Protein backbone atom coordinates (compact mmCIF):
# COMPACT_ATOMS: atom_id res chain seq x y z
CA MET A 1 167.56 121.76 172.33
CA SER A 2 168.16 123.87 169.45
CA PHE A 3 168.00 122.46 166.04
CA THR A 4 168.63 124.06 162.91
CA VAL A 5 167.66 123.36 159.74
CA ALA A 6 168.25 125.67 156.82
CA ILE A 7 166.56 125.29 153.43
CA ASP A 8 167.34 127.58 150.33
CA GLY A 9 166.42 127.75 146.88
CA PRO A 10 165.16 130.01 143.98
CA ALA A 11 161.42 130.70 143.98
CA ALA A 12 159.35 128.62 143.48
CA ALA A 13 161.53 125.35 143.55
CA GLY A 14 159.07 124.11 146.03
CA LYS A 15 161.25 124.66 148.70
CA GLY A 16 158.52 126.28 151.04
CA THR A 17 156.17 123.32 150.66
CA VAL A 18 159.62 121.19 151.58
CA SER A 19 160.08 122.94 154.69
CA LYS A 20 156.43 123.06 155.75
CA ALA A 21 156.78 119.34 155.31
CA VAL A 22 159.86 119.01 157.11
CA ALA A 23 158.77 120.94 159.90
CA ALA A 24 155.35 119.30 160.63
CA HIS A 25 157.03 116.05 160.32
CA PHE A 26 159.42 116.68 162.97
CA GLY A 27 157.43 119.00 165.29
CA PHE A 28 159.91 122.12 164.41
CA ALA A 29 159.29 125.48 164.08
CA HIS A 30 158.69 127.10 160.38
CA LEU A 31 160.11 130.50 159.32
CA ASP A 32 159.61 131.50 155.89
CA THR A 33 162.13 134.48 155.75
CA GLY A 34 160.70 135.12 152.43
CA LEU A 35 157.57 136.57 154.17
CA LEU A 36 159.95 139.01 155.92
CA TYR A 37 160.85 140.65 153.06
CA ARG A 38 157.49 140.37 151.51
CA ALA A 39 156.22 142.30 154.57
CA VAL A 40 158.98 145.11 154.22
CA GLY A 41 158.36 145.23 150.03
CA ARG A 42 154.67 145.90 151.04
CA LYS A 43 155.72 148.55 153.47
CA VAL A 44 157.63 150.44 150.65
CA LEU A 45 154.64 150.00 148.29
CA GLN A 46 152.76 151.76 150.89
CA GLY A 47 155.25 154.47 150.56
CA VAL A 48 157.64 153.78 153.69
CA ASP A 49 161.63 153.89 153.04
CA ALA A 50 163.13 150.41 152.73
CA ILE A 51 165.43 150.62 155.65
CA THR A 52 162.75 151.87 158.05
CA ALA A 53 160.18 149.20 157.15
CA ALA A 54 162.86 146.47 157.94
CA LYS A 55 163.63 147.81 161.28
CA THR A 56 160.57 148.82 162.51
CA LEU A 57 158.86 145.37 161.13
CA MET A 58 156.08 143.74 163.54
CA ALA A 59 155.69 140.32 163.80
CA GLU A 60 152.18 140.60 163.18
CA GLU A 61 152.52 142.03 159.67
CA LEU A 62 154.02 138.58 158.45
CA GLN A 63 150.05 137.80 158.23
CA ALA A 64 149.04 140.13 155.88
CA PRO A 65 146.81 138.47 153.36
CA ASP A 66 148.43 140.11 150.42
CA LEU A 67 151.97 139.03 150.57
CA ARG A 68 151.62 136.41 147.79
CA THR A 69 150.94 139.26 144.98
CA GLN A 70 153.24 139.62 142.21
CA ALA A 71 153.29 143.29 143.08
CA VAL A 72 154.44 142.71 146.34
CA ALA A 73 157.41 139.51 145.22
CA GLU A 74 158.86 142.06 143.10
CA ALA A 75 159.05 144.78 145.75
CA ALA A 76 160.57 142.07 147.97
CA SER A 77 163.48 140.99 145.10
CA LYS A 78 164.38 144.64 145.13
CA VAL A 79 164.56 145.35 148.94
CA ALA A 80 166.44 142.24 149.32
CA VAL A 81 169.17 143.38 147.54
CA ILE A 82 169.86 146.35 150.15
CA PRO A 83 172.97 146.11 152.96
CA GLN A 84 170.64 147.63 155.74
CA VAL A 85 167.30 146.33 154.95
CA ARG A 86 168.97 142.53 155.19
CA ALA A 87 171.24 143.86 158.16
CA ALA A 88 168.03 144.62 159.84
CA LEU A 89 166.46 141.64 159.49
CA VAL A 90 169.15 138.79 160.56
CA ALA A 91 168.86 139.18 164.30
CA PHE A 92 165.20 138.50 163.96
CA GLN A 93 166.10 135.30 162.37
CA ARG A 94 168.97 134.09 164.14
CA ASP A 95 167.05 134.16 167.16
CA PHE A 96 164.06 132.06 165.65
CA ALA A 97 166.83 129.57 164.48
CA ARG A 98 168.02 128.74 167.65
CA ARG A 99 164.81 128.51 169.55
CA GLU A 100 163.89 125.38 171.72
CA GLY A 101 162.51 122.60 170.10
CA GLY A 102 163.95 123.17 166.51
CA ALA A 103 163.42 125.33 163.69
CA VAL A 104 163.03 125.22 160.00
CA LEU A 105 164.33 128.28 158.04
CA ASP A 106 164.00 128.83 154.32
CA GLY A 107 164.95 131.29 152.13
CA ARG A 108 168.35 132.28 150.04
CA ASP A 109 170.70 132.42 152.38
CA ILE A 110 169.84 130.69 154.96
CA GLY A 111 172.78 128.05 155.37
CA THR A 112 175.38 130.96 153.58
CA VAL A 113 174.57 134.19 155.47
CA ILE A 114 171.87 133.57 158.53
CA CYS A 115 172.84 130.08 159.62
CA PRO A 116 176.60 128.63 158.82
CA GLU A 117 176.36 126.69 161.50
CA ALA A 118 172.90 125.38 160.99
CA GLU A 119 172.70 121.11 161.69
CA VAL A 120 171.29 120.63 158.57
CA LYS A 121 171.18 122.73 155.13
CA LEU A 122 169.64 121.78 152.21
CA PHE A 123 169.39 123.61 148.37
CA VAL A 124 166.19 123.14 147.25
CA THR A 125 166.43 123.95 143.42
CA ALA A 126 164.48 123.06 139.59
CA SER A 127 165.08 124.29 135.89
CA ALA A 128 163.53 127.84 135.37
CA GLU A 129 161.03 126.61 132.92
CA CYS A 130 159.78 124.63 135.50
CA ARG A 131 159.39 126.80 138.40
CA ALA A 132 157.88 129.53 135.91
CA GLU A 133 155.14 126.80 135.08
CA ARG A 134 154.75 126.27 138.93
CA ARG A 135 154.56 129.38 139.25
CA PHE A 136 152.01 130.70 136.32
CA ALA A 137 149.76 128.00 137.60
CA GLU A 138 149.62 129.41 141.08
CA LEU A 139 148.69 132.90 139.42
CA LYS A 140 146.66 132.59 136.43
CA GLN A 141 143.70 132.53 138.20
CA SER A 142 143.71 135.80 139.62
CA ASP A 143 145.27 137.44 136.45
CA PRO A 144 143.68 135.88 133.09
CA GLU A 145 146.07 138.20 131.28
CA LEU A 146 149.31 136.62 132.28
CA SER A 147 151.59 134.42 130.26
CA LEU A 148 153.85 131.87 130.71
CA ALA A 149 156.61 133.59 128.97
CA THR A 150 156.20 136.97 130.87
CA VAL A 151 156.35 134.35 134.18
CA LEU A 152 159.70 132.68 132.87
CA SER A 153 161.27 136.00 132.02
CA ASP A 154 160.29 137.51 135.74
CA VAL A 155 161.72 133.80 137.40
CA ARG A 156 164.90 134.55 135.28
CA ALA A 157 165.38 138.05 136.07
CA ARG A 158 164.91 137.43 139.88
CA ASP A 159 167.55 134.67 139.77
CA ALA A 160 169.87 136.95 138.22
CA ARG A 161 169.09 139.62 140.69
CA ASP A 162 169.40 136.62 143.65
CA SER A 163 171.99 135.29 142.61
CA GLU A 164 174.59 138.47 141.21
CA ARG A 165 173.52 140.64 144.80
CA SER A 166 176.64 141.44 146.19
CA GLU A 167 175.26 140.93 149.74
CA ALA A 168 174.59 137.19 150.39
CA PRO A 169 174.01 136.02 147.38
CA LEU A 170 172.02 132.77 146.38
CA LYS A 171 173.92 129.98 146.17
CA PRO A 172 174.04 126.58 147.95
CA ALA A 173 176.54 126.61 151.15
CA GLY A 174 179.37 124.56 150.81
CA ASP A 175 178.07 121.58 152.74
CA ALA A 176 174.17 121.90 151.66
CA VAL A 177 172.66 118.24 150.18
CA MET A 178 171.16 119.75 146.69
CA ILE A 179 167.32 118.19 145.77
CA ASP A 180 166.32 119.15 142.54
CA THR A 181 162.36 118.71 142.43
CA THR A 182 162.31 119.35 138.71
CA THR A 183 161.55 115.95 137.85
CA LEU A 184 160.05 115.05 141.48
CA THR A 185 156.71 114.69 143.13
CA ILE A 186 156.34 116.54 146.40
CA GLU A 187 156.14 113.77 148.26
CA GLU A 188 159.25 112.47 146.87
CA ALA A 189 160.92 115.67 147.47
CA VAL A 190 159.59 115.71 150.83
CA ALA A 191 161.16 112.48 151.69
CA GLN A 192 164.80 113.10 150.19
CA ALA A 193 164.40 116.12 152.96
CA THR A 194 163.24 114.05 155.65
CA ALA A 195 165.78 111.28 155.06
CA VAL A 196 168.48 113.66 155.27
CA ILE A 197 167.16 115.77 158.68
CA ALA A 198 166.77 112.31 160.58
CA ALA A 199 169.93 111.13 159.83
CA LYS A 200 171.51 114.10 161.39
CA ARG A 201 169.48 114.31 163.94
CA PRO A 202 170.13 113.50 167.39
CA GLY A 203 168.70 110.20 169.34
C-alpha cells in the first residue's frame, strides 16, 4: 500500500524535524527533498554545471557530510530556481513518494507540484524572526562571527527567492493543513501532524 505525506514550508520552520518524527511514528520512509537541491548545489560549488549536476545526481551523494553548511544552503536555493534542475529531480521524488509502505517527503513544492495527489498535505511555518533564531542557534557554534541580523536577512532573502520564483514557488497547497510552530514545542508540532495523518490513514 502506498500512502504519501507531503510536508512543505520555509527554511527552519521545523518541517524536517516533524517529518522525521512522523515517518518514524508510522514506519514510513522519509525523504528530505531539500537534500537533493543541496547535493546539486554542492556539486555546483565544485564547478559542475547545475543542470548536469541534477541529471547525474546519485543517491549516495545525499549522504555527503557537508550538505548542511550555509554555503551549500545558499547554492541550493539558487539552483532550485532553475526549471531544468527541478525537472530533473521530479521523477526521483515521485518514485519515492509512491513506494510501498508509505512515504513522507518534505520540501518546498511537494503538495503543490511533486505530489498534488498526496493523501496528506501539511504546511509547517513560523515567523521569520523565530526561524532566524533557530538557524542562528544551529550555526553559531561553527561560525562564531555570525550575527543574528545576518541570519535574519538571509532567511528573508531566501523566503523571497523561494516564494517569488516562477517555477514551483513556495506556497501552501489549497488543501494543506497549516501548522505554525512559532509558539509550539517540537512535541506539540509533532502531535498536531501525527493527529492529522492518523485521521486520514486507512485502517
